[in-house]
Protein backbone atom coordinates (compact mmCIF):
# COMPACT_ATOMS: atom_id res chain seq x y z
CA MET A 1 -8.38 10.92 -12.47
CA PRO A 2 -7.44 13.00 -15.55
CA LEU A 3 -8.88 12.03 -18.93
CA TYR A 4 -6.94 12.63 -22.15
CA GLN A 5 -8.73 13.31 -25.42
CA SER A 6 -7.25 11.72 -28.55
CA ALA A 7 -8.35 10.91 -32.08
CA GLU A 8 -9.40 7.46 -30.82
CA GLY A 9 -11.55 8.82 -27.97
CA ARG A 10 -10.88 9.43 -24.31
CA ARG A 11 -7.86 7.89 -22.62
CA VAL A 12 -6.88 7.49 -18.98
CA ARG A 13 -3.85 6.31 -17.04
CA PRO A 14 -5.32 4.13 -14.26
CA TYR A 15 -2.70 4.93 -11.63
CA ALA A 16 -3.71 6.67 -8.42
CA ARG A 17 -0.80 9.13 -8.19
CA HIS A 18 -0.62 11.89 -10.78
CA ASP A 19 2.89 13.19 -11.40
CA ASP A 20 4.34 14.80 -14.53
CA SER A 21 7.06 12.13 -14.65
CA LEU A 22 4.57 9.23 -14.65
CA PRO A 23 3.31 9.02 -18.28
CA PRO A 24 6.12 6.78 -19.59
CA LEU A 25 5.64 4.45 -16.62
CA VAL A 26 1.87 3.90 -16.89
CA ARG A 27 -0.02 2.53 -19.87
CA GLU A 28 -2.98 4.52 -21.17
CA VAL A 29 -6.37 2.81 -21.42
CA ALA A 30 -8.73 3.91 -24.19
CA ILE A 31 -12.42 4.56 -23.52
CA LYS A 32 -14.60 4.10 -26.60
CA THR A 33 -18.34 4.54 -26.92
CA VAL A 34 -20.76 2.98 -29.40
CA ALA A 35 -24.05 4.35 -30.71
CA ASN A 36 -25.99 1.22 -29.75
CA GLY A 37 -25.44 -2.25 -28.32
CA SER A 38 -25.29 -3.92 -31.74
CA ASP A 39 -22.10 -1.99 -32.53
CA ALA A 40 -20.26 -3.44 -29.52
CA PRO A 41 -18.18 -6.63 -29.86
CA GLU A 42 -19.85 -9.82 -28.73
CA CYS A 43 -19.13 -10.87 -25.15
CA SER A 44 -16.90 -13.91 -24.73
CA VAL A 45 -16.95 -13.77 -20.90
CA ARG A 46 -19.92 -12.51 -18.89
CA HIS A 47 -19.38 -11.65 -15.22
CA GLY A 48 -22.94 -11.18 -14.07
CA ASP A 49 -23.35 -8.68 -11.25
CA ILE A 50 -19.66 -8.68 -10.24
CA PRO A 51 -18.07 -5.28 -10.94
CA ALA A 52 -14.63 -4.76 -12.48
CA VAL A 53 -11.82 -2.51 -11.25
CA VAL A 54 -9.01 -1.63 -13.69
CA PHE A 55 -5.72 -0.29 -12.34
CA SER A 56 -2.01 -0.15 -13.08
CA VAL A 57 0.87 -1.66 -11.11
CA GLY A 58 3.40 0.39 -13.09
CA GLY A 59 4.46 3.82 -11.94
CA TYR A 60 6.67 3.85 -8.88
CA THR A 61 5.96 0.28 -7.77
CA GLY A 62 8.92 -1.58 -6.29
CA ASN A 63 9.37 1.08 -3.61
CA PHE A 64 7.50 -0.04 -0.48
CA PHE A 65 6.18 3.45 0.29
CA HIS A 66 4.70 3.79 -3.21
CA ASP A 67 3.48 0.19 -3.22
CA MET A 68 1.36 1.04 -0.18
CA SER A 69 0.31 4.63 -0.91
CA ASP A 70 -0.17 4.35 -4.71
CA VAL A 71 -1.36 0.80 -5.37
CA LEU A 72 -2.45 -1.06 -2.19
CA ILE A 73 -4.35 1.53 -0.18
CA PRO A 74 -6.27 2.80 -3.29
CA PRO A 75 -7.91 -0.59 -4.10
CA TYR A 76 -8.81 -0.86 -0.40
CA LEU A 77 -10.60 2.50 -0.69
CA THR A 78 -12.14 1.61 -4.03
CA SER A 79 -13.25 -1.98 -3.55
CA PHE A 80 -13.24 -3.08 0.11
CA HIS A 81 -17.01 -2.60 0.32
CA PHE A 82 -17.51 -5.23 -2.39
CA LYS A 83 -16.45 -7.86 0.20
CA GLY A 84 -14.35 -9.83 -2.29
CA ARG A 85 -16.96 -9.90 -5.07
CA VAL A 86 -14.97 -7.83 -7.56
CA GLN A 87 -12.79 -8.62 -10.57
CA PHE A 88 -9.41 -6.90 -10.81
CA PHE A 89 -7.89 -6.13 -14.23
CA VAL A 90 -4.26 -5.02 -14.02
CA THR A 91 -2.30 -3.03 -16.60
CA ASP A 92 1.52 -2.86 -16.65
CA TYR A 93 1.24 -6.41 -15.32
CA LYS A 94 4.12 -7.58 -13.09
CA GLN A 95 3.78 -11.16 -11.93
CA TRP A 96 6.46 -10.77 -9.25
CA TRP A 97 4.69 -7.74 -7.77
CA LEU A 98 1.29 -9.39 -7.69
CA LYS A 99 2.79 -12.50 -6.09
CA LYS A 100 4.56 -10.38 -3.47
CA TYR A 101 1.30 -8.78 -2.33
CA LYS A 102 -1.06 -11.69 -3.01
CA PRO A 103 -2.23 -11.96 0.65
CA ILE A 104 -3.51 -8.37 0.48
CA LEU A 105 -5.04 -8.53 -3.01
CA ARG A 106 -6.70 -11.88 -2.30
CA ARG A 107 -8.54 -10.40 0.69
CA LEU A 108 -9.89 -7.64 -1.57
CA SER A 109 -10.89 -9.90 -4.48
CA ARG A 110 -11.66 -13.60 -4.50
CA CYS A 111 -11.31 -13.66 -8.31
CA ASP A 112 -8.08 -14.40 -10.15
CA ILE A 113 -6.48 -11.18 -11.39
CA VAL A 114 -6.64 -10.70 -15.18
CA ASP A 115 -3.71 -9.30 -17.17
CA PHE A 116 -5.41 -6.42 -18.97
CA ASP A 117 -2.54 -5.97 -21.43
CA SER A 118 -2.46 -9.50 -22.84
CA ASN A 119 -5.98 -10.87 -22.36
CA ASN A 120 -7.87 -10.92 -25.68
CA ASP A 121 -11.31 -11.92 -24.41
CA VAL A 122 -14.26 -9.53 -24.47
CA HIS A 123 -15.30 -9.27 -20.81
CA CYS A 124 -18.75 -7.87 -20.11
CA PHE A 125 -19.74 -6.18 -16.84
CA HIS A 126 -22.65 -4.10 -15.63
CA ASP A 127 -20.24 -1.83 -13.74
CA VAL A 128 -16.58 -0.96 -14.34
CA ILE A 129 -14.35 1.30 -12.26
CA LEU A 130 -11.43 2.54 -14.33
CA GLY A 131 -8.67 3.70 -12.03
CA LEU A 132 -8.45 3.93 -8.26
CA VAL A 133 -9.48 6.37 -5.56
CA ARG A 134 -6.55 7.82 -3.61
CA ASP A 135 -6.43 9.96 -0.48
CA THR A 136 -3.23 11.44 1.02
CA ASP A 137 0.01 9.43 1.39
CA LEU A 138 -0.55 6.83 4.16
CA ILE A 139 -3.36 9.01 5.54
CA LEU A 140 -7.07 8.22 5.28
CA ARG A 141 -9.59 10.86 6.30
CA ARG A 142 -13.29 11.08 5.47
CA HIS A 143 -13.82 12.97 2.20
CA PRO A 144 -17.00 13.29 0.07
CA THR A 145 -15.35 11.92 -3.09
CA ARG A 146 -11.99 10.34 -2.15
CA ASN A 147 -13.18 8.53 0.97
CA PRO A 148 -16.96 8.81 1.33
CA LYS A 149 -17.18 5.65 3.46
CA GLY A 150 -14.83 7.09 6.05
CA TYR A 151 -12.17 4.38 6.02
CA SER A 152 -9.30 5.01 8.45
CA MET A 153 -5.62 4.05 8.58
CA LEU A 154 -6.35 2.13 11.78
CA GLY A 155 -8.92 0.10 9.86
CA PHE A 156 -6.48 -0.43 6.99
CA THR A 157 -3.67 -1.59 9.30
CA ARG A 158 -6.07 -4.05 10.95
CA PHE A 159 -6.95 -5.30 7.47
CA LEU A 160 -3.22 -5.82 6.77
CA HIS A 161 -2.73 -7.60 10.07
CA ARG A 162 -5.48 -10.08 9.20
CA ALA A 163 -4.01 -10.58 5.72
CA TYR A 164 -0.62 -11.54 7.19
CA GLY A 165 -1.87 -13.30 10.31
CA LEU A 166 -0.42 -10.72 12.74
CA ARG A 167 -1.90 -11.20 16.20
CA ARG A 168 -0.50 -8.39 18.36
CA ASP A 169 -2.85 -5.41 18.50
CA ARG A 170 -1.34 -3.64 21.53
CA PRO A 171 2.26 -2.95 22.59
CA LEU A 172 3.77 -3.95 25.92
CA VAL A 173 2.62 -1.77 28.84
CA LEU A 174 5.58 -1.12 31.10
CA GLY A 175 4.81 -1.76 34.77
CA LYS A 176 2.03 -4.24 34.01
CA ASN A 177 4.40 -6.95 32.79
CA PRO A 178 7.21 -7.27 35.39
CA GLY A 179 10.37 -8.81 34.01
CA LYS A 180 9.47 -8.18 30.35
CA LYS A 181 11.40 -5.75 28.19
CA ALA A 182 9.93 -3.56 25.48
CA ARG A 183 11.15 -4.71 22.07
CA MET A 184 12.79 -2.21 19.73
CA LEU A 185 13.36 -2.77 16.01
CA ILE A 186 16.02 -0.66 14.32
CA ILE A 187 15.71 -0.82 10.53
CA SER A 188 19.15 -0.56 8.97
CA CYS A 189 19.77 0.49 5.38
CA ARG A 190 22.64 -0.01 2.93
CA GLY A 191 21.93 3.19 1.00
CA THR A 192 22.85 6.81 1.56
CA ARG A 193 20.43 7.27 4.48
CA ARG A 194 21.92 5.08 7.17
CA LEU A 195 23.14 5.27 10.74
CA LEU A 196 26.92 5.47 10.74
CA ASN A 197 26.96 4.74 14.48
CA LEU A 198 24.41 1.92 14.35
CA HIS A 199 26.26 -0.28 16.84
CA GLN A 200 26.48 2.56 19.37
CA VAL A 201 22.75 3.27 18.99
CA GLU A 202 21.96 -0.41 19.48
CA ALA A 203 24.20 -0.57 22.57
CA MET A 204 22.62 2.55 24.09
CA ALA A 205 19.07 1.26 23.52
CA THR A 206 20.04 -2.04 25.13
CA SER A 207 21.52 -0.21 28.13
CA LEU A 208 18.22 1.65 28.53
CA GLY A 209 16.42 -1.68 28.95
CA PHE A 210 15.15 -2.45 25.45
CA ASP A 211 15.31 -5.86 23.78
CA VAL A 212 16.84 -4.64 20.52
CA THR A 213 16.63 -6.22 17.06
CA VAL A 214 18.46 -4.79 14.03
CA SER A 215 17.18 -5.86 10.61
CA GLN A 216 17.08 -4.80 6.97
CA ALA A 217 13.58 -4.68 5.54
CA GLY A 218 14.56 -6.13 2.16
CA ASP A 219 16.25 -9.21 3.60
CA LYS A 220 12.97 -11.05 4.33
CA SER A 221 9.63 -11.75 2.68
CA ILE A 222 6.87 -9.27 3.44
CA LYS A 223 5.11 -11.77 5.70
CA ARG A 224 8.21 -12.59 7.76
CA PHE A 225 9.28 -8.98 8.14
CA ALA A 226 5.70 -7.95 9.01
CA ALA A 227 5.77 -10.54 11.82
CA THR A 228 9.09 -9.10 13.06
CA VAL A 229 7.68 -5.57 13.10
CA ASN A 230 4.46 -6.68 14.77
CA SER A 231 6.42 -8.36 17.57
CA CYS A 232 8.00 -5.01 18.51
CA ASP A 233 6.84 -2.04 20.56
CA VAL A 234 9.18 0.61 19.12
CA LEU A 235 10.30 1.12 15.52
CA VAL A 236 13.39 3.23 14.79
CA ALA A 237 14.53 4.14 11.27
CA VAL A 238 16.11 6.91 9.24
CA HIS A 239 13.60 8.75 7.03
CA GLY A 240 12.87 6.57 4.00
CA ALA A 241 10.60 3.86 2.59
CA GLY A 242 11.49 1.47 5.42
CA LEU A 243 9.34 3.54 7.77
CA THR A 244 6.30 2.40 5.80
CA ASN A 245 6.62 -0.83 7.82
CA GLN A 246 4.96 1.02 10.68
CA VAL A 247 1.69 -0.30 9.21
CA PHE A 248 2.55 -3.67 10.80
CA LEU A 249 3.12 -2.33 14.32
CA PRO A 250 0.54 -2.91 17.04
CA ALA A 251 -1.76 0.08 17.57
CA ARG A 252 -0.28 2.70 19.93
CA ALA A 253 3.29 1.48 19.40
CA VAL A 254 6.06 4.07 19.12
CA VAL A 255 7.72 5.24 15.88
CA VAL A 256 11.04 7.10 16.02
CA GLN A 257 11.97 8.75 12.71
CA ILE A 258 15.51 10.07 12.32
CA VAL A 259 15.38 13.05 9.94
CA PRO A 260 18.60 13.87 8.03
CA LEU A 261 19.72 17.43 7.46
CA GLY A 262 18.74 19.10 4.19
CA GLY A 263 15.22 20.50 4.52
CA MET A 264 13.40 17.16 4.75
CA GLU A 265 11.10 18.16 7.62
CA TRP A 266 7.99 18.52 5.43
CA MET A 267 8.39 15.06 3.88
CA ALA A 268 9.23 13.50 7.22
CA THR A 269 6.12 14.97 8.82
CA ASN A 270 3.66 14.32 6.00
CA PHE A 271 4.90 10.95 4.73
CA TYR A 272 5.48 9.23 8.07
CA GLY A 273 4.95 11.49 11.09
CA GLU A 274 1.29 12.38 10.58
CA PRO A 275 0.32 8.88 9.38
CA ALA A 276 1.84 7.33 12.54
CA ARG A 277 -0.65 9.26 14.68
CA ASP A 278 -3.58 7.59 12.90
CA MET A 279 -2.29 4.03 13.22
């Protein structure tokens, strides 16, 4: 994570993604050193041997793809091995965002999250991690610094399934379940990337023997939509953030990504195609 030198000392933006457009969206945190312990402010809260992790929920949060790749997978990489014994401090604090993803954050830390921006106490820790470790978008591969413990996307999706109480870990196997139809979820969108012939696609999939559900990801809570996705064997969507919901599918389910014209093949492959193979 880049450090910035200023007249007040070193500064860092504790957000896992590093883009040139991010600075206005992420608060800087100052790092100051003292010559000896007597120069430091007196502790008002001591946390014993529990470490602290400081990170931002600013940046591109609010987009489900960035919520996962920038802010939810990184604390999994950074703090899962603490087994809940870690204190999160959040900058650019958004109560609605933290509430939305509480089931995930609560499984990573059993402590109440502290608003770094407004809390005036002097918290003392033996160890502090400022910022988060990040691998590639929705891809986790062993790496000596980014992922030394070798966490995988399959492990992360299982972690999510436990957080949201999702029970299906395998899709329907055709031929072994006579009379049952494979379930297909088509994610519809209101924006510019949408299927103009959605009803024809739904009718065709039904005629091929699928039990088809059409739904908009933003119409339900995360938990309810995760349950809908997990109940399906095939996920179909136009390239976009909605495809991030593949993290809730059972392992070895099928993802069908519809790629619009306009040179989007690289993004389609790297943001959603390659990650699907690891889930």
